[in-house]
C-alpha cells in the first residue's frame, strides 16, 4: 500500500510540474504577443506621419500647376 501511495504522489507531482510549465509558457507567449502588437502600433504612427508629409508634398507641387501624376512622381523621388 505504501508503494502505491508513493507512485500516486509522484504522478501528481509530475502533473503539477507539467501544468506549471504550461502556465509559464502561456504567460510568456501572451507577453510576446503584447510586445508585437505594441511594435505594430508604433509602426503605424510613423507610417501616418510619412503619409502626411507625402500628401503635403503632393499638394504643394500641384499648387505650382503640375498634374497629380507629376506631383506624385516628384514626391517619390522622380524628376
PDB file of N, CA and C in Angstrom:
ATOM      1  N   UNK A   1       0.799  -1.187   0.000  1.00  0.00           N
ATOM      2  CA  UNK A   1       0.000   0.000   0.000  1.00  0.00           C
ATOM      3  C   UNK A   1       0.849   1.261   0.000  1.00  0.00           C
ATOM      4  N   UNK A   2       1.890   1.300   0.740  1.00  0.00           N
ATOM      5  CA  UNK A   2       2.734   2.480   0.776  1.00  0.00           C
ATOM      6  C   UNK A   2       3.424   2.700  -0.557  1.00  0.00           C
ATOM      7  N   UNK A   3       3.752   1.614  -1.244  1.00  0.00           N
ATOM      8  CA  UNK A   3       4.374   1.725  -2.561  1.00  0.00           C
ATOM      9  C   UNK A   3       3.408   2.380  -3.542  1.00  0.00           C
ATOM     10  N   UNK A   4       2.155   2.028  -3.452  1.00  0.00           N
ATOM     11  CA  UNK A   4       1.137   2.594  -4.344  1.00  0.00           C
ATOM     12  C   UNK A   4       0.933   4.077  -4.057  1.00  0.00           C
ATOM     13  N   UNK A   5       0.959   4.496  -2.811  1.00  0.00           N
ATOM     14  CA  UNK A   5       0.807   5.896  -2.441  1.00  0.00           C
ATOM     15  C   UNK A   5       1.979   6.724  -2.955  1.00  0.00           C
ATOM     16  N   UNK A   6       3.176   6.161  -2.896  1.00  0.00           N
ATOM     17  CA  UNK A   6       4.354   6.874  -3.379  1.00  0.00           C
ATOM     18  C   UNK A   6       4.261   7.121  -4.888  1.00  0.00           C
ATOM     19  N   UNK A   7       3.822   6.132  -5.632  1.00  0.00           N
ATOM     20  CA  UNK A   7       3.721   6.309  -7.092  1.00  0.00           C
ATOM     21  C   UNK A   7       2.621   7.297  -7.428  1.00  0.00           C
ATOM     22  N   UNK A   8       1.520   7.302  -6.656  1.00  0.00           N
ATOM     23  CA  UNK A   8       0.445   8.264  -6.887  1.00  0.00           C
ATOM     24  C   UNK A   8       0.936   9.689  -6.629  1.00  0.00           C
ATOM     25  N   UNK A   9       1.702   9.871  -5.538  1.00  0.00           N
ATOM     26  CA  UNK A   9       2.226  11.198  -5.224  1.00  0.00           C
ATOM     27  C   UNK A   9       3.197  11.660  -6.301  1.00  0.00           C
ATOM     28  N   UNK A  10       4.014  10.739  -6.806  1.00  0.00           N
ATOM     29  CA  UNK A  10       4.980  11.101  -7.837  1.00  0.00           C
ATOM     30  C   UNK A  10       4.259  11.496  -9.122  1.00  0.00           C
ATOM     31  N   UNK A  11       3.207  10.756  -9.488  1.00  0.00           N
ATOM     32  CA  UNK A  11       2.435  11.086 -10.684  1.00  0.00           C
ATOM     33  C   UNK A  11       1.776  12.453 -10.537  1.00  0.00           C
ATOM     34  N   UNK A  12       1.278  12.725  -9.347  1.00  0.00           N
ATOM     35  CA  UNK A  12       0.629  14.015  -9.091  1.00  0.00           C
ATOM     36  C   UNK A  12       1.646  15.147  -9.168  1.00  0.00           C
ATOM     37  N   UNK A  13       2.829  14.937  -8.630  1.00  0.00           N
ATOM     38  CA  UNK A  13       3.867  15.959  -8.664  1.00  0.00           C
ATOM     39  C   UNK A  13       4.304  16.214 -10.109  1.00  0.00           C
ATOM     40  N   UNK A  14       4.414  15.168 -10.906  1.00  0.00           N
ATOM     41  CA  UNK A  14       4.786  15.324 -12.313  1.00  0.00           C
ATOM     42  C   UNK A  14       3.728  16.121 -13.076  1.00  0.00           C
ATOM     43  N   UNK A  15       2.471  15.829 -12.800  1.00  0.00           N
ATOM     44  CA  UNK A  15       1.383  16.569 -13.462  1.00  0.00           C
ATOM     45  C   UNK A  15       1.383  18.037 -13.038  1.00  0.00           C
ATOM     46  N   UNK A  16       1.637  18.278 -11.760  1.00  0.00           N
ATOM     47  CA  UNK A  16       1.670  19.659 -11.262  1.00  0.00           C
ATOM     48  C   UNK A  16       2.825  20.419 -11.911  1.00  0.00           C
ATOM     49  N   UNK A  17       3.965  19.780 -12.038  1.00  0.00           N
ATOM     50  CA  UNK A  17       5.117  20.422 -12.671  1.00  0.00           C
ATOM     51  C   UNK A  17       4.815  20.719 -14.138  1.00  0.00           C
ATOM     52  N   UNK A  18       4.179  19.788 -14.818  1.00  0.00           N
ATOM     53  CA  UNK A  18       3.830  19.986 -16.224  1.00  0.00           C
ATOM     54  C   UNK A  18       2.830  21.138 -16.371  1.00  0.00           C
ATOM     55  N   UNK A  19       1.880  21.223 -15.498  1.00  0.00           N
ATOM     56  CA  UNK A  19       0.899  22.312 -15.572  1.00  0.00           C
ATOM     57  C   UNK A  19       1.556  23.655 -15.275  1.00  0.00           C
ATOM     58  N   UNK A  20       2.513  23.671 -14.350  1.00  0.00           N
ATOM     59  CA  UNK A  20       3.237  24.912 -14.052  1.00  0.00           C
ATOM     60  C   UNK A  20       4.026  25.379 -15.266  1.00  0.00           C
ATOM     61  N   UNK A  21       4.719  24.452 -15.909  1.00  0.00           N
ATOM     62  CA  UNK A  21       5.488  24.795 -17.109  1.00  0.00           C
ATOM     63  C   UNK A  21       4.548  25.290 -18.199  1.00  0.00           C
ATOM     64  N   UNK A  22       3.417  24.643 -18.359  1.00  0.00           N
ATOM     65  CA  UNK A  22       2.429  25.067 -19.356  1.00  0.00           C
ATOM     66  C   UNK A  22       1.947  26.491 -19.062  1.00  0.00           C
ATOM     67  N   UNK A  23       1.675  26.786 -17.812  1.00  0.00           N
ATOM     68  CA  UNK A  23       1.224  28.129 -17.435  1.00  0.00           C
ATOM     69  C   UNK A  23       2.275  29.185 -17.717  1.00  0.00           C
ATOM     70  N   UNK A  24       3.533  28.858 -17.422  1.00  0.00           N
ATOM     71  CA  UNK A  24       4.621  29.804 -17.686  1.00  0.00           C
ATOM     72  C   UNK A  24       4.753  30.045 -19.192  1.00  0.00           C
ATOM     73  N   UNK A  25       4.643  28.998 -19.983  1.00  0.00           N
ATOM     74  CA  UNK A  25       4.718  29.144 -21.440  1.00  0.00           C
ATOM     75  C   UNK A  25       3.561  29.986 -21.979  1.00  0.00           C
ATOM     76  N   UNK A  26       2.380  29.776 -21.451  1.00  0.00           N
ATOM     77  CA  UNK A  26       1.218  30.570 -21.865  1.00  0.00           C
ATOM     78  C   UNK A  26       1.424  32.046 -21.536  1.00  0.00           C
ATOM     79  N   UNK A  27       1.908  32.312 -20.346  1.00  0.00           N
ATOM     80  CA  UNK A  27       2.167  33.686 -19.925  1.00  0.00           C
ATOM     81  C   UNK A  27       3.243  34.323 -20.802  1.00  0.00           C
ATOM     82  N   UNK A  28       4.285  33.570 -21.080  1.00  0.00           N
ATOM     83  CA  UNK A  28       5.355  34.074 -21.941  1.00  0.00           C
ATOM     84  C   UNK A  28       4.866  34.398 -23.339  1.00  0.00           C
ATOM     85  N   UNK A  29       4.034  33.526 -23.887  1.00  0.00           N
ATOM     86  CA  UNK A  29       3.530  33.786 -25.237  1.00  0.00           C
ATOM     87  C   UNK A  29       2.585  34.988 -25.248  1.00  0.00           C
ATOM     88  N   UNK A  30       1.855  35.203 -24.190  1.00  0.00           N
ATOM     89  CA  UNK A  30       0.989  36.382 -24.104  1.00  0.00           C
ATOM     90  C   UNK A  30       1.821  37.666 -24.054  1.00  0.00           C
ATOM     91  N   UNK A  31       2.916  37.632 -23.337  1.00  0.00           N
ATOM     92  CA  UNK A  31       3.795  38.806 -23.255  1.00  0.00           C
ATOM     93  C   UNK A  31       4.410  39.104 -24.612  1.00  0.00           C
ATOM     94  N   UNK A  32       4.845  38.059 -25.314  1.00  0.00           N
ATOM     95  CA  UNK A  32       5.428  38.249 -26.650  1.00  0.00           C
ATOM     96  C   UNK A  32       4.384  38.828 -27.600  1.00  0.00           C
ATOM     97  N   UNK A  33       3.161  38.340 -27.521  1.00  0.00           N
ATOM     98  CA  UNK A  33       2.087  38.858 -28.378  1.00  0.00           C
ATOM     99  C   UNK A  33       1.802  40.326 -28.077  1.00  0.00           C
ATOM    100  N   UNK A  34       1.773  40.684 -26.818  1.00  0.00           N
ATOM    101  CA  UNK A  34       1.527  42.076 -26.446  1.00  0.00           C
ATOM    102  C   UNK A  34       2.649  42.983 -26.952  1.00  0.00           C
ATOM    103  N   UNK A  35       3.881  42.522 -26.851  1.00  0.00           N
ATOM    104  CA  UNK A  35       5.012  43.321 -27.339  1.00  0.00           C
ATOM    105  C   UNK A  35       4.940  43.490 -28.851  1.00  0.00           C
ATOM    106  N   UNK A  36       4.543  42.436 -29.555  1.00  0.00           N
ATOM    107  CA  UNK A  36       4.426  42.520 -31.011  1.00  0.00           C
ATOM    108  C   UNK A  36       3.330  43.500 -31.407  1.00  0.00           C
ATOM    109  N   UNK A  37       2.213  43.468 -30.717  1.00  0.00           N
ATOM    110  CA  UNK A  37       1.126  44.408 -31.020  1.00  0.00           C
ATOM    111  C   UNK A  37       1.547  45.850 -30.747  1.00  0.00           C
ATOM    112  N   UNK A  38       2.300  46.053 -29.693  1.00  0.00           N
ATOM    113  CA  UNK A  38       2.795  47.405 -29.393  1.00  0.00           C
ATOM    114  C   UNK A  38       3.738  47.886 -30.488  1.00  0.00           C
ATOM    115  N   UNK A  39       4.591  47.003 -30.977  1.00  0.00           N
ATOM    116  CA  UNK A  39       5.512  47.372 -32.055  1.00  0.00           C
ATOM    117  C   UNK A  39       4.746  47.712 -33.334  1.00  0.00           C
ATOM    118  N   UNK A  40       3.707  46.962 -33.624  1.00  0.00           N
ATOM    119  CA  UNK A  40       2.887  47.240 -34.807  1.00  0.00           C
ATOM    120  C   UNK A  40       2.201  48.591 -34.664  1.00  0.00           C
ATOM    121  N   UNK A  41       1.675  48.881 -33.488  1.00  0.00           N
ATOM    122  CA  UNK A  41       1.003  50.163 -33.256  1.00  0.00           C
ATOM    123  C   UNK A  41       1.972  51.326 -33.436  1.00  0.00           C
ATOM    124  N   UNK A  42       3.188  51.174 -32.941  1.00  0.00           N
ATOM    125  CA  UNK A  42       4.180  52.240 -33.091  1.00  0.00           C
ATOM    126  C   UNK A  42       4.583  52.420 -34.551  1.00  0.00           C
ATOM    127  N   UNK A  43       4.621  51.344 -35.296  1.00  0.00           N
ATOM    128  CA  UNK A  43       4.978  51.477 -36.717  1.00  0.00           C
ATOM    129  C   UNK A  43       3.868  52.186 -37.484  1.00  0.00           C
ATOM    130  N   UNK A  44       2.619  52.028 -37.055  1.00  0.00           N
ATOM    131  CA  UNK A  44       1.522  52.742 -37.706  1.00  0.00           C
ATOM    132  C   UNK A  44       1.643  54.245 -37.473  1.00  0.00           C
ATOM    133  N   UNK A  45       2.157  54.642 -36.326  1.00  0.00           N
ATOM    134  CA  UNK A  45       2.329  56.074 -36.052  1.00  0.00           C
ATOM    135  C   UNK A  45       3.321  56.695 -37.022  1.00  0.00           C
ATOM    136  N   UNK A  46       4.432  56.026 -37.262  1.00  0.00           N
ATOM    137  CA  UNK A  46       5.420  56.567 -38.194  1.00  0.00           C
ATOM    138  C   UNK A  46       4.891  56.527 -39.625  1.00  0.00           C
ATOM    139  N   UNK A  47       4.118  55.511 -39.948  1.00  0.00           N
ATOM    140  CA  UNK A  47       3.517  55.421 -41.277  1.00  0.00           C
ATOM    141  C   UNK A  47       2.536  56.570 -41.493  1.00  0.00           C
ATOM    142  N   UNK A  48       1.774  56.918 -40.454  1.00  0.00           N
ATOM    143  CA  UNK A  48       0.831  58.036 -40.546  1.00  0.00           C
ATOM    144  C   UNK A  48       1.575  59.339 -40.794  1.00  0.00           C
ATOM    145  N   UNK A  49       2.689  59.536 -40.095  1.00  0.00           N
ATOM    146  CA  UNK A  49       3.483  60.755 -40.265  1.00  0.00           C
ATOM    147  C   UNK A  49       4.048  60.833 -41.679  1.00  0.00           C
ATOM    148  N   UNK A  50       4.568  59.717 -42.175  1.00  0.00           N
ATOM    149  CA  UNK A  50       5.143  59.689 -43.520  1.00  0.00           C
ATOM    150  C   UNK A  50       4.064  59.980 -44.570  1.00  0.00           C
ATOM    151  N   UNK A  51       2.885  59.444 -44.378  1.00  0.00           N
ATOM    152  CA  UNK A  51       1.780  59.692 -45.304  1.00  0.00           C
ATOM    153  C   UNK A  51       1.389  61.167 -45.307  1.00  0.00           C
ATOM    154  N   UNK A  52       1.380  61.766 -44.132  1.00  0.00           N
ATOM    155  CA  UNK A  52       1.031  63.185 -44.024  1.00  0.00           C
ATOM    156  C   UNK A  52       2.035  64.050 -44.786  1.00  0.00           C
ATOM    157  N   UNK A  53       3.325  63.761 -44.615  1.00  0.00           N
ATOM    158  CA  UNK A  53       4.371  64.524 -45.303  1.00  0.00           C
ATOM    159  C   UNK A  53       4.250  64.338 -46.812  1.00  0.00           C
ATOM    160  N   UNK A  54       3.977  63.116 -47.252  1.00  0.00           N
ATOM    161  CA  UNK A  54       3.842  62.848 -48.683  1.00  0.00           C
ATOM    162  C   UNK A  54       2.657  63.624 -49.270  1.00  0.00           C
ATOM    163  N   UNK A  55       1.531  63.611 -48.565  1.00  0.00           N
ATOM    164  CA  UNK A  55       0.348  64.336 -49.047  1.00  0.00           C
ATOM    165  C   UNK A  55       0.614  65.836 -49.125  1.00  0.00           C
ATOM    166  N   UNK A  56       1.327  66.372 -48.148  1.00  0.00           N
ATOM    167  CA  UNK A  56       1.670  67.796 -48.185  1.00  0.00           C
ATOM    168  C   UNK A  56       2.574  68.105 -49.380  1.00  0.00           C
ATOM    169  N   UNK A  57       3.490  67.216 -49.681  1.00  0.00           N
ATOM    170  CA  UNK A  57       4.381  67.392 -50.827  1.00  0.00           C
ATOM    171  C   UNK A  57       3.574  67.407 -52.123  1.00  0.00           C
ATOM    172  N   UNK A  58       2.657  66.463 -52.264  1.00  0.00           N
ATOM    173  CA  UNK A  58       1.843  66.390 -53.482  1.00  0.00           C
ATOM    174  C   UNK A  58       1.002  67.657 -53.630  1.00  0.00           C
ATOM    175  N   UNK A  59       0.388  68.097 -52.548  1.00  0.00           N
ATOM    176  CA  UNK A  59      -0.430  69.313 -52.619  1.00  0.00           C
ATOM    177  C   UNK A  59       0.414  70.531 -53.000  1.00  0.00           C
ATOM    178  N   UNK A  60       1.609  70.615 -52.455  1.00  0.00           N
ATOM    179  CA  UNK A  60       2.488  71.739 -52.747  1.00  0.00           C
ATOM    180  C   UNK A  60       2.905  71.736 -54.225  1.00  0.00           C
ATOM    181  N   UNK A  61       3.216  70.594 -54.759  1.00  0.00           N
ATOM    182  CA  UNK A  61       3.632  70.512 -56.164  1.00  0.00           C
ATOM    183  C   UNK A  61       2.450  70.781 -57.086  1.00  0.00           C
ATOM    184  N   UNK A  62       1.270  70.300 -56.700  1.00  0.00           N
ATOM    185  CA  UNK A  62       0.073  70.574 -57.503  1.00  0.00           C
ATOM    186  C   UNK A  62      -0.246  72.065 -57.505  1.00  0.00           C
ATOM    187  N   UNK A  63       0.060  72.747 -56.415  1.00  0.00           N
ATOM    188  CA  UNK A  63      -0.209  74.186 -56.330  1.00  0.00           C
ATOM    189  C   UNK A  63       0.648  74.974 -57.321  1.00  0.00           C
ATOM    190  N   UNK A  64       1.768  74.401 -57.747  1.00  0.00           N
ATOM    191  CA  UNK A  64       2.615  75.084 -58.733  1.00  0.00           C
ATOM    192  C   UNK A  64       2.098  74.893 -60.153  1.00  0.00           C
ATOM    193  N   UNK A  65       1.046  74.096 -60.313  1.00  0.00           N
ATOM    194  CA  UNK A  65       0.441  73.933 -61.628  1.00  0.00           C
ATOM    195  C   UNK A  65       0.710  72.599 -62.295  1.00  0.00           C
ATOM    196  N   UNK A  66       1.425  71.695 -61.657  1.00  0.00           N
ATOM    197  CA  UNK A  66       1.700  70.388 -62.252  1.00  0.00           C
ATOM    198  C   UNK A  66       0.519  69.455 -62.007  1.00  0.00           C
ATOM    199  N   UNK A  67       0.424  68.411 -62.834  1.00  0.00           N
ATOM    200  CA  UNK A  67      -0.666  67.441 -62.684  1.00  0.00           C
ATOM    201  C   UNK A  67      -0.407  66.566 -61.447  1.00  0.00           C
ATOM    202  N   UNK A  68      -1.453  65.829 -61.060  1.00  0.00           N
ATOM    203  CA  UNK A  68      -1.340  64.969 -59.879  1.00  0.00           C
ATOM    204  C   UNK A  68      -0.299  63.883 -60.103  1.00  0.00           C
ATOM    205  N   UNK A  69      -0.263  63.302 -61.303  1.00  0.00           N
ATOM    206  CA  UNK A  69       0.715  62.243 -61.560  1.00  0.00           C
ATOM    207  C   UNK A  69       2.139  62.786 -61.529  1.00  0.00           C
ATOM    208  N   UNK A  70       2.347  63.992 -62.056  1.00  0.00           N
ATOM    209  CA  UNK A  70       3.674  64.605 -62.000  1.00  0.00           C
ATOM    210  C   UNK A  70       4.064  64.920 -60.545  1.00  0.00           C
ATOM    211  N   UNK A  71       3.097  65.347 -59.753  1.00  0.00           N
ATOM    212  CA  UNK A  71       3.375  65.667 -58.347  1.00  0.00           C
ATOM    213  C   UNK A  71       3.752  64.405 -57.572  1.00  0.00           C
ATOM    214  N   UNK A  72       3.034  63.323 -57.822  1.00  0.00           N
ATOM    215  CA  UNK A  72       3.341  62.046 -57.134  1.00  0.00           C
ATOM    216  C   UNK A  72       4.708  61.564 -57.562  1.00  0.00           C
ATOM    217  N   UNK A  73       5.009  61.629 -58.839  1.00  0.00           N
ATOM    218  CA  UNK A  73       6.322  61.198 -59.339  1.00  0.00           C
ATOM    219  C   UNK A  73       7.431  62.019 -58.676  1.00  0.00           C
ATOM    220  N   UNK A  74       7.246  63.326 -58.607  1.00  0.00           N
ATOM    221  CA  UNK A  74       8.246  64.182 -57.976  1.00  0.00           C
ATOM    222  C   UNK A  74       8.445  63.829 -56.506  1.00  0.00           C
ATOM    223  N   UNK A  75       7.341  63.635 -55.785  1.00  0.00           N
ATOM    224  CA  UNK A  75       7.439  63.358 -54.356  1.00  0.00           C
ATOM    225  C   UNK A  75       8.006  61.962 -54.078  1.00  0.00           C
ATOM    226  N   UNK A  76       7.921  61.066 -55.051  1.00  0.00           N
ATOM    227  CA  UNK A  76       8.520  59.734 -54.897  1.00  0.00           C
ATOM    228  C   UNK A  76      10.012  59.749 -55.214  1.00  0.00           C
ATOM    229  N   UNK A  77      10.526  60.897 -55.634  1.00  0.00           N
ATOM    230  CA  UNK A  77      11.941  60.984 -55.908  1.00  0.00           C
ATOM    231  C   UNK A  77      12.261  61.106 -57.376  1.00  0.00           C
ATOM    232  N   UNK A  78      11.241  61.107 -58.220  1.00  0.00           N
ATOM    233  CA  UNK A  78      11.477  61.271 -59.664  1.00  0.00           C
ATOM    234  C   UNK A  78      11.662  62.732 -60.010  1.00  0.00           C
ATOM    235  N   UNK A  79      11.980  62.982 -61.275  1.00  0.00           N
ATOM    236  CA  UNK A  79      12.206  64.364 -61.705  1.00  0.00           C
ATOM    237  C   UNK A  79      11.089  64.852 -62.571  1.00  0.00           C
TER     238      UNK A  79
END
